[in-house]
Amino acid sequence: MFRSFFMSRQWFFWAWLGSALILSVTWYKVQLDVQINEWFGSFFDMVQKALGTPGAVTLESYLGEMSTFLQIAGLYIVIAVVLEFFVRHFIFRWRQAMNDFYMAHWHLVRDVEGAAQRVQEDTMRFARIMEGLGVLFMRSLMTLAAFIPLLWGLSEKVTELPWIGPVPHSMVFVALLSAAFGTVLLAVVGIKLPGLEFQNQKVEAAYRKELVYGEDHADRATPQTVAELFAQVRKNYFRLFFHYLYFDVAKWSYLQATVLVPYIALGPTVVSGTITLGVMQQITRAFDRVESSFQFLVNSWSTIIELISIYKRLAAFEERIRLARAAAPVAAA
């Protein structure tokens, strides 16, 4: 999955220079997000001033702030669109590298259960998930690198935490603890899901394989055989649905509860009137960025489960290739 792309001379420029380009552009996007966060502070301070003292802010100044936002946001949009276009090409090259490797050894593993599915569908799904999950992971790390120092500094303006009292740089620790709690919670609640997803792929592959044989052979895919295979599909899906039920209860309850976390943490500071509306907006927005990045596993857990299932299937497929090459080196050459 990785060696065929990142360790290949053919794909050297796409794999390594492409990765470097994605990282650098993603970092630039994060810096633009930091600029937008700073804009929120100055804009809402202006709003507070305008609402508190009529006539203190001119319409030109107000619209000027809007113009500043549009300039930053416009550049952000252009960068985001170009980056997404490049990432899609990058990921497809990765899929092509895997496809070429598997097809070069097709004669060794063509009899493996679901071999065609692994080469075609699993590589496609692996590439699609890596496109979204990989970029999101890199963005989360870079967002943390950019926003933790910002939130660290802004936290100096937070006087104290409810029921706890003064804590230096408190908002950073609140974000970390909130995300850590959610990550552990969902990891425990969803511990059975990767295995069930893997089993789901196996029963689906068996059902699909029989139907494909039935297209060319009248004695295959008989009503009784198909009914038995689909019964296995149905049984596994219903088990999966049940386990996702309580997983989703935990996930959505946690995500909805965390919306209030920064406002609760800022409670004593807000009621004491020691910060402005603009500073509050900066803190809550920076907190959201830091907490969301820490919550990478929480927000992506369902996708990660699917990726683990695909990885297991492709890893088993590659292990069969390795064993076949070891048993028949001449044929593999």
Protein backbone atom coordinates (compact mmCIF):
# COMPACT_ATOMS: atom_id res chain seq x y z
CA MET A 1 0.00 0.00 0.00
CA PHE A 2 2.79 2.43 0.87
CA ARG A 3 5.94 0.86 -0.54
CA SER A 4 4.59 0.71 -4.11
CA PHE A 5 4.18 4.50 -4.10
CA PHE A 6 6.68 6.03 -1.69
CA MET A 7 9.54 3.60 -2.41
CA SER A 8 9.19 3.59 -6.19
CA ARG A 9 11.44 5.56 -8.54
CA GLN A 10 8.56 5.89 -10.98
CA TRP A 11 6.46 7.77 -8.44
CA PHE A 12 9.26 9.63 -6.62
CA PHE A 13 8.23 13.14 -7.67
CA TRP A 14 4.53 12.58 -7.00
CA ALA A 15 5.11 10.80 -3.69
CA TRP A 16 7.72 13.01 -2.04
CA LEU A 17 7.65 16.38 -3.80
CA GLY A 18 3.86 16.15 -3.99
CA SER A 19 3.70 15.49 -0.24
CA ALA A 20 6.01 18.43 0.43
CA LEU A 21 3.83 20.70 -1.71
CA ILE A 22 0.64 19.56 0.05
CA LEU A 23 2.21 20.17 3.46
CA SER A 24 3.49 23.64 2.60
CA VAL A 25 0.22 24.81 1.02
CA THR A 26 -1.79 23.37 3.90
CA TRP A 27 0.40 25.33 6.31
CA TYR A 28 -0.25 28.49 4.32
CA LYS A 29 -4.01 27.83 4.57
CA VAL A 30 -3.69 27.55 8.33
CA GLN A 31 -1.86 30.88 8.44
CA LEU A 32 -4.72 32.48 6.53
CA ASP A 33 -7.09 31.00 9.11
CA VAL A 34 -5.00 32.65 11.84
CA GLN A 35 -5.38 35.99 10.03
CA ILE A 36 -9.15 35.49 9.93
CA ASN A 37 -9.13 34.77 13.66
CA GLU A 38 -7.31 38.06 14.27
CA TRP A 39 -9.84 39.83 12.06
CA PHE A 40 -12.69 38.53 14.22
CA GLY A 41 -11.10 40.19 17.24
CA SER A 42 -10.77 43.63 15.66
CA PHE A 43 -14.17 43.44 13.94
CA PHE A 44 -16.18 42.54 17.04
CA ASP A 45 -14.31 45.13 19.11
CA MET A 46 -15.46 47.64 16.51
CA VAL A 47 -19.03 46.29 16.76
CA GLN A 48 -18.94 46.61 20.54
CA LYS A 49 -17.64 50.17 20.27
CA ALA A 50 -20.28 51.09 17.68
CA LEU A 51 -23.12 49.63 19.75
CA GLY A 52 -21.88 51.19 22.98
CA THR A 53 -21.15 54.65 21.58
CA PRO A 54 -23.37 55.64 18.65
CA GLY A 55 -21.43 57.52 15.98
CA ALA A 56 -18.02 56.36 17.24
CA VAL A 57 -17.52 54.15 14.17
CA THR A 58 -18.03 55.36 10.60
CA LEU A 59 -19.70 53.33 7.89
CA GLU A 60 -16.47 53.52 5.88
CA SER A 61 -14.52 51.90 8.72
CA TYR A 62 -17.18 49.23 9.14
CA LEU A 63 -17.21 48.37 5.43
CA GLY A 64 -13.42 48.54 5.39
CA GLU A 65 -13.32 45.63 7.84
CA MET A 66 -15.62 43.71 5.52
CA SER A 67 -13.26 44.38 2.63
CA THR A 68 -10.32 43.09 4.65
CA PHE A 69 -12.17 39.86 5.38
CA LEU A 70 -13.09 39.37 1.72
CA GLN A 71 -9.45 39.75 0.67
CA ILE A 72 -8.27 37.09 3.11
CA ALA A 73 -11.23 34.78 2.45
CA GLY A 74 -10.88 35.17 -1.33
CA LEU A 75 -7.23 34.10 -1.22
CA TYR A 76 -8.19 31.22 1.09
CA ILE A 77 -10.80 29.99 -1.40
CA VAL A 78 -8.37 30.04 -4.33
CA ILE A 79 -5.70 28.19 -2.36
CA ALA A 80 -8.23 25.62 -1.07
CA VAL A 81 -9.64 24.86 -4.53
CA VAL A 82 -6.20 24.45 -6.15
CA LEU A 83 -4.99 22.28 -3.25
CA GLU A 84 -8.04 19.99 -3.44
CA PHE A 85 -7.50 19.57 -7.19
CA PHE A 86 -3.85 18.62 -6.69
CA VAL A 87 -4.60 16.25 -3.79
CA ARG A 88 -7.12 14.33 -5.89
CA HIS A 89 -4.47 13.78 -8.57
CA PHE A 90 -1.92 12.84 -5.90
CA ILE A 91 -4.21 10.22 -4.38
CA PHE A 92 -5.14 8.75 -7.76
CA ARG A 93 -1.43 8.29 -8.55
CA TRP A 94 -1.16 6.45 -5.25
CA ARG A 95 -4.03 4.20 -6.27
CA GLN A 96 -2.40 3.62 -9.66
CA ALA A 97 0.86 2.58 -7.97
CA MET A 98 -1.00 0.02 -5.84
CA ASN A 99 -2.97 -1.21 -8.85
CA ASP A 100 0.21 -1.70 -10.91
CA PHE A 101 1.85 -3.64 -8.08
CA TYR A 102 -1.12 -5.95 -7.54
CA MET A 103 -1.63 -6.59 -11.24
CA ALA A 104 2.06 -7.43 -11.65
CA HIS A 105 1.47 -10.31 -9.22
CA TRP A 106 -2.06 -11.14 -10.33
CA HIS A 107 -1.05 -14.60 -11.55
CA LEU A 108 0.01 -15.49 -8.00
CA VAL A 109 -3.12 -14.39 -6.17
CA ARG A 110 -5.96 -14.51 -8.65
CA ASP A 111 -7.51 -17.39 -6.70
CA VAL A 112 -7.64 -15.40 -3.45
CA GLU A 113 -11.17 -14.77 -2.18
CA GLY A 114 -12.32 -11.39 -3.47
CA ALA A 115 -9.08 -10.76 -5.39
CA ALA A 116 -10.78 -8.60 -8.02
CA GLN A 117 -12.53 -6.57 -5.35
CA ARG A 118 -9.27 -5.92 -3.52
CA VAL A 119 -7.53 -4.69 -6.65
CA GLN A 120 -10.39 -2.55 -7.91
CA GLU A 121 -12.71 -1.52 -5.10
CA ASP A 122 -10.44 -1.68 -2.05
CA THR A 123 -7.66 0.34 -3.68
CA MET A 124 -10.25 2.90 -4.80
CA ARG A 125 -11.75 3.17 -1.31
CA PHE A 126 -8.31 3.26 0.29
CA ALA A 127 -7.29 6.14 -1.97
CA ARG A 128 -10.57 7.99 -1.39
CA ILE A 129 -10.35 7.71 2.38
CA MET A 130 -6.67 8.66 2.44
CA GLU A 131 -7.55 11.77 0.42
CA GLY A 132 -9.90 13.02 3.08
CA LEU A 133 -8.40 11.52 6.21
CA GLY A 134 -4.76 12.18 5.37
CA VAL A 135 -5.26 15.82 4.50
CA LEU A 136 -7.49 16.32 7.54
CA PHE A 137 -4.85 14.80 9.79
CA MET A 138 -2.10 17.03 8.41
CA ARG A 139 -4.33 20.07 8.71
CA SER A 140 -5.13 19.16 12.32
CA LEU A 141 -1.45 18.98 13.22
CA MET A 142 -0.70 22.29 11.52
CA THR A 143 -3.74 23.93 13.07
CA LEU A 144 -2.48 22.88 16.48
CA ALA A 145 0.96 24.27 15.68
CA ALA A 146 -0.54 27.61 14.68
CA PHE A 147 -3.40 28.02 17.16
CA ILE A 148 -2.00 26.58 20.39
CA PRO A 149 0.47 29.49 20.78
CA LEU A 150 -2.36 31.89 19.92
CA LEU A 151 -4.76 30.33 22.45
CA TRP A 152 -1.92 30.10 24.96
CA GLY A 153 -1.45 33.86 24.79
CA LEU A 154 -5.17 34.66 24.75
CA SER A 155 -5.69 32.46 27.82
CA GLU A 156 -3.74 34.99 29.88
CA LYS A 157 -6.87 37.16 29.71
CA VAL A 158 -9.02 34.44 31.28
CA THR A 159 -9.25 35.25 34.99
CA GLU A 160 -10.34 31.88 36.35
CA LEU A 161 -12.21 28.66 35.60
CA PRO A 162 -15.56 27.79 37.19
CA TRP A 163 -15.26 25.66 40.38
CA ILE A 164 -11.46 25.51 39.95
CA GLY A 165 -10.12 29.03 40.13
CA PRO A 166 -7.16 30.65 38.37
CA VAL A 167 -5.20 28.33 36.05
CA PRO A 168 -2.41 29.72 33.85
CA HIS A 169 -3.17 29.27 30.12
CA SER A 170 -6.34 27.48 31.16
CA MET A 171 -8.12 27.34 27.79
CA VAL A 172 -5.41 25.21 26.22
CA PHE A 173 -5.74 22.62 28.99
CA VAL A 174 -9.53 22.70 28.83
CA ALA A 175 -9.41 21.99 25.08
CA LEU A 176 -6.90 19.16 25.57
CA LEU A 177 -8.87 17.51 28.38
CA SER A 178 -12.17 17.85 26.51
CA ALA A 179 -10.76 16.21 23.38
CA ALA A 180 -8.93 13.51 25.33
CA PHE A 181 -12.12 12.58 27.15
CA GLY A 182 -14.03 12.27 23.86
CA THR A 183 -11.28 10.25 22.20
CA VAL A 184 -11.08 7.73 25.04
CA LEU A 185 -14.86 7.56 25.28
CA LEU A 186 -15.38 6.71 21.61
CA ALA A 187 -12.39 4.36 21.47
CA VAL A 188 -13.92 2.32 24.29
CA VAL A 189 -17.50 2.50 23.02
CA GLY A 190 -16.51 1.66 19.43
CA ILE A 191 -13.94 -1.04 20.17
CA LYS A 192 -15.95 -3.75 18.36
CA LEU A 193 -16.62 -1.78 15.19
CA PRO A 194 -13.35 -2.39 13.23
CA GLY A 195 -13.75 -6.16 13.52
CA LEU A 196 -17.40 -6.01 12.50
CA GLU A 197 -16.56 -3.79 9.52
CA PHE A 198 -13.86 -6.23 8.43
CA GLN A 199 -16.31 -9.14 8.71
CA ASN A 200 -18.81 -7.09 6.73
CA GLN A 201 -16.39 -6.78 3.84
CA LYS A 202 -15.84 -10.55 3.86
CA VAL A 203 -19.52 -11.46 3.64
CA GLU A 204 -20.12 -8.79 0.99
CA ALA A 205 -17.22 -10.16 -1.06
CA ALA A 206 -18.56 -13.71 -0.84
CA TYR A 207 -22.02 -12.58 -1.92
CA ARG A 208 -20.61 -10.50 -4.81
CA LYS A 209 -18.36 -13.33 -5.96
CA GLU A 210 -21.23 -15.80 -6.22
CA LEU A 211 -23.31 -13.32 -8.22
CA VAL A 212 -20.42 -12.73 -10.63
CA TYR A 213 -20.04 -16.49 -11.17
CA GLY A 214 -23.79 -16.68 -11.74
CA GLU A 215 -23.47 -14.33 -14.73
CA ASP A 216 -21.53 -16.96 -16.69
CA HIS A 217 -22.51 -20.27 -15.10
CA ALA A 218 -26.11 -21.44 -14.79
CA ASP A 219 -25.31 -23.75 -11.89
CA ARG A 220 -24.01 -20.88 -9.73
CA ALA A 221 -25.94 -18.21 -7.82
CA THR A 222 -28.92 -20.49 -7.29
CA PRO A 223 -31.79 -19.04 -5.24
CA GLN A 224 -30.89 -21.14 -2.19
CA THR A 225 -27.17 -20.24 -2.30
CA VAL A 226 -27.87 -16.55 -2.85
CA ALA A 227 -30.43 -16.52 -0.04
CA GLU A 228 -27.92 -18.10 2.37
CA LEU A 229 -25.17 -15.67 1.42
CA PHE A 230 -27.47 -12.67 1.68
CA ALA A 231 -28.68 -13.91 5.06
CA GLN A 232 -25.08 -13.64 6.24
CA VAL A 233 -24.88 -10.11 4.82
CA ARG A 234 -28.13 -9.19 6.57
CA LYS A 235 -27.03 -10.69 9.90
CA ASN A 236 -23.71 -8.85 9.88
CA TYR A 237 -25.27 -5.52 8.89
CA PHE A 238 -27.86 -5.75 11.66
CA ARG A 239 -25.10 -6.45 14.20
CA LEU A 240 -23.18 -3.48 12.80
CA PHE A 241 -26.25 -1.23 13.01
CA PHE A 242 -26.80 -2.21 16.65
CA HIS A 243 -23.23 -1.40 17.68
CA TYR A 244 -23.29 1.87 15.73
CA LEU A 245 -26.51 2.80 17.58
CA TYR A 246 -24.90 3.19 20.98
CA PHE A 247 -21.69 4.48 19.38
CA ASP A 248 -23.63 7.31 17.71
CA VAL A 249 -25.43 8.10 20.98
CA ALA A 250 -22.07 8.58 22.69
CA LYS A 251 -20.55 10.47 19.74
CA TRP A 252 -23.32 13.01 19.18
CA SER A 253 -23.96 13.52 22.88
CA TYR A 254 -20.30 14.33 23.37
CA LEU A 255 -20.05 16.64 20.34
CA GLN A 256 -23.15 18.60 21.33
CA ALA A 257 -22.00 18.95 24.92
CA THR A 258 -18.59 20.30 23.89
CA VAL A 259 -20.22 23.27 22.15
CA LEU A 260 -20.80 24.80 25.59
CA VAL A 261 -17.37 23.98 27.01
CA PRO A 262 -15.56 27.24 26.06
CA TYR A 263 -18.49 29.39 27.18
CA ILE A 264 -18.66 27.60 30.53
CA ALA A 265 -14.90 27.97 30.96
CA LEU A 266 -15.15 31.69 30.15
CA GLY A 267 -18.10 32.21 32.52
CA PRO A 268 -16.26 33.95 35.39
CA THR A 269 -14.26 36.08 32.96
CA VAL A 270 -17.35 37.17 31.03
CA VAL A 271 -19.46 38.05 34.06
CA SER A 272 -16.56 40.04 35.54
CA GLY A 273 -16.40 42.09 32.34
CA THR A 274 -12.61 41.83 32.03
CA ILE A 275 -12.56 41.05 28.29
CA THR A 276 -14.13 42.68 25.26
CA LEU A 277 -16.50 41.01 22.82
CA GLY A 278 -13.72 40.89 20.22
CA VAL A 279 -11.33 39.10 22.57
CA MET A 280 -14.08 36.66 23.50
CA GLN A 281 -14.63 35.89 19.81
CA GLN A 282 -10.91 35.34 19.31
CA ILE A 283 -10.70 33.01 22.31
CA THR A 284 -13.77 30.93 21.41
CA ARG A 285 -12.72 30.65 17.76
CA ALA A 286 -9.13 29.71 18.63
CA PHE A 287 -10.48 27.26 21.23
CA ASP A 288 -12.71 25.68 18.59
CA ARG A 289 -9.79 25.25 16.21
CA VAL A 290 -7.57 23.70 18.89
CA GLU A 291 -10.30 21.45 20.30
CA SER A 292 -11.42 20.32 16.82
CA SER A 293 -7.84 19.43 15.93
CA PHE A 294 -7.44 17.48 19.17
CA GLN A 295 -10.75 15.79 18.29
CA PHE A 296 -9.40 14.40 15.02
CA LEU A 297 -9.98 10.82 16.16
CA VAL A 298 -13.43 11.67 17.50
CA ASN A 299 -14.64 13.33 14.32
CA SER A 300 -13.05 10.73 12.03
CA TRP A 301 -13.67 7.56 14.01
CA SER A 302 -16.24 6.07 11.63
CA THR A 303 -13.96 6.74 8.65
CA ILE A 304 -10.96 5.33 10.53
CA ILE A 305 -12.93 2.15 11.22
CA GLU A 306 -13.61 1.78 7.50
CA LEU A 307 -9.93 2.44 6.70
CA ILE A 308 -8.81 -0.18 9.23
CA SER A 309 -11.08 -2.73 7.58
CA ILE A 310 -9.70 -1.95 4.11
CA TYR A 311 -6.14 -1.96 5.42
CA LYS A 312 -6.63 -5.44 6.91
CA ARG A 313 -7.94 -6.76 3.59
CA LEU A 314 -5.11 -5.25 1.54
CA ALA A 315 -2.49 -6.29 4.10
CA ALA A 316 -3.75 -9.89 3.94
CA PHE A 317 -3.68 -9.68 0.13
CA GLU A 318 -0.09 -8.42 0.14
CA GLU A 319 0.89 -11.16 2.59
CA ARG A 320 -0.42 -13.74 0.10
CA ILE A 321 1.68 -12.09 -2.59
CA ARG A 322 4.75 -12.24 -0.35
CA LEU A 323 4.20 -15.93 0.46
CA ALA A 324 3.54 -16.79 -3.19
CA ARG A 325 6.71 -15.03 -4.29
CA ALA A 326 8.70 -16.84 -1.62
CA ALA A 327 7.29 -20.21 -2.67
CA ALA A 328 7.76 -19.59 -6.41
CA PRO A 329 10.59 -17.02 -6.88
CA VAL A 330 11.15 -17.97 -10.49
CA ALA A 331 7.51 -17.49 -11.40
CA ALA A 332 7.37 -14.20 -9.47
CA ALA A 333 10.37 -12.90 -11.35
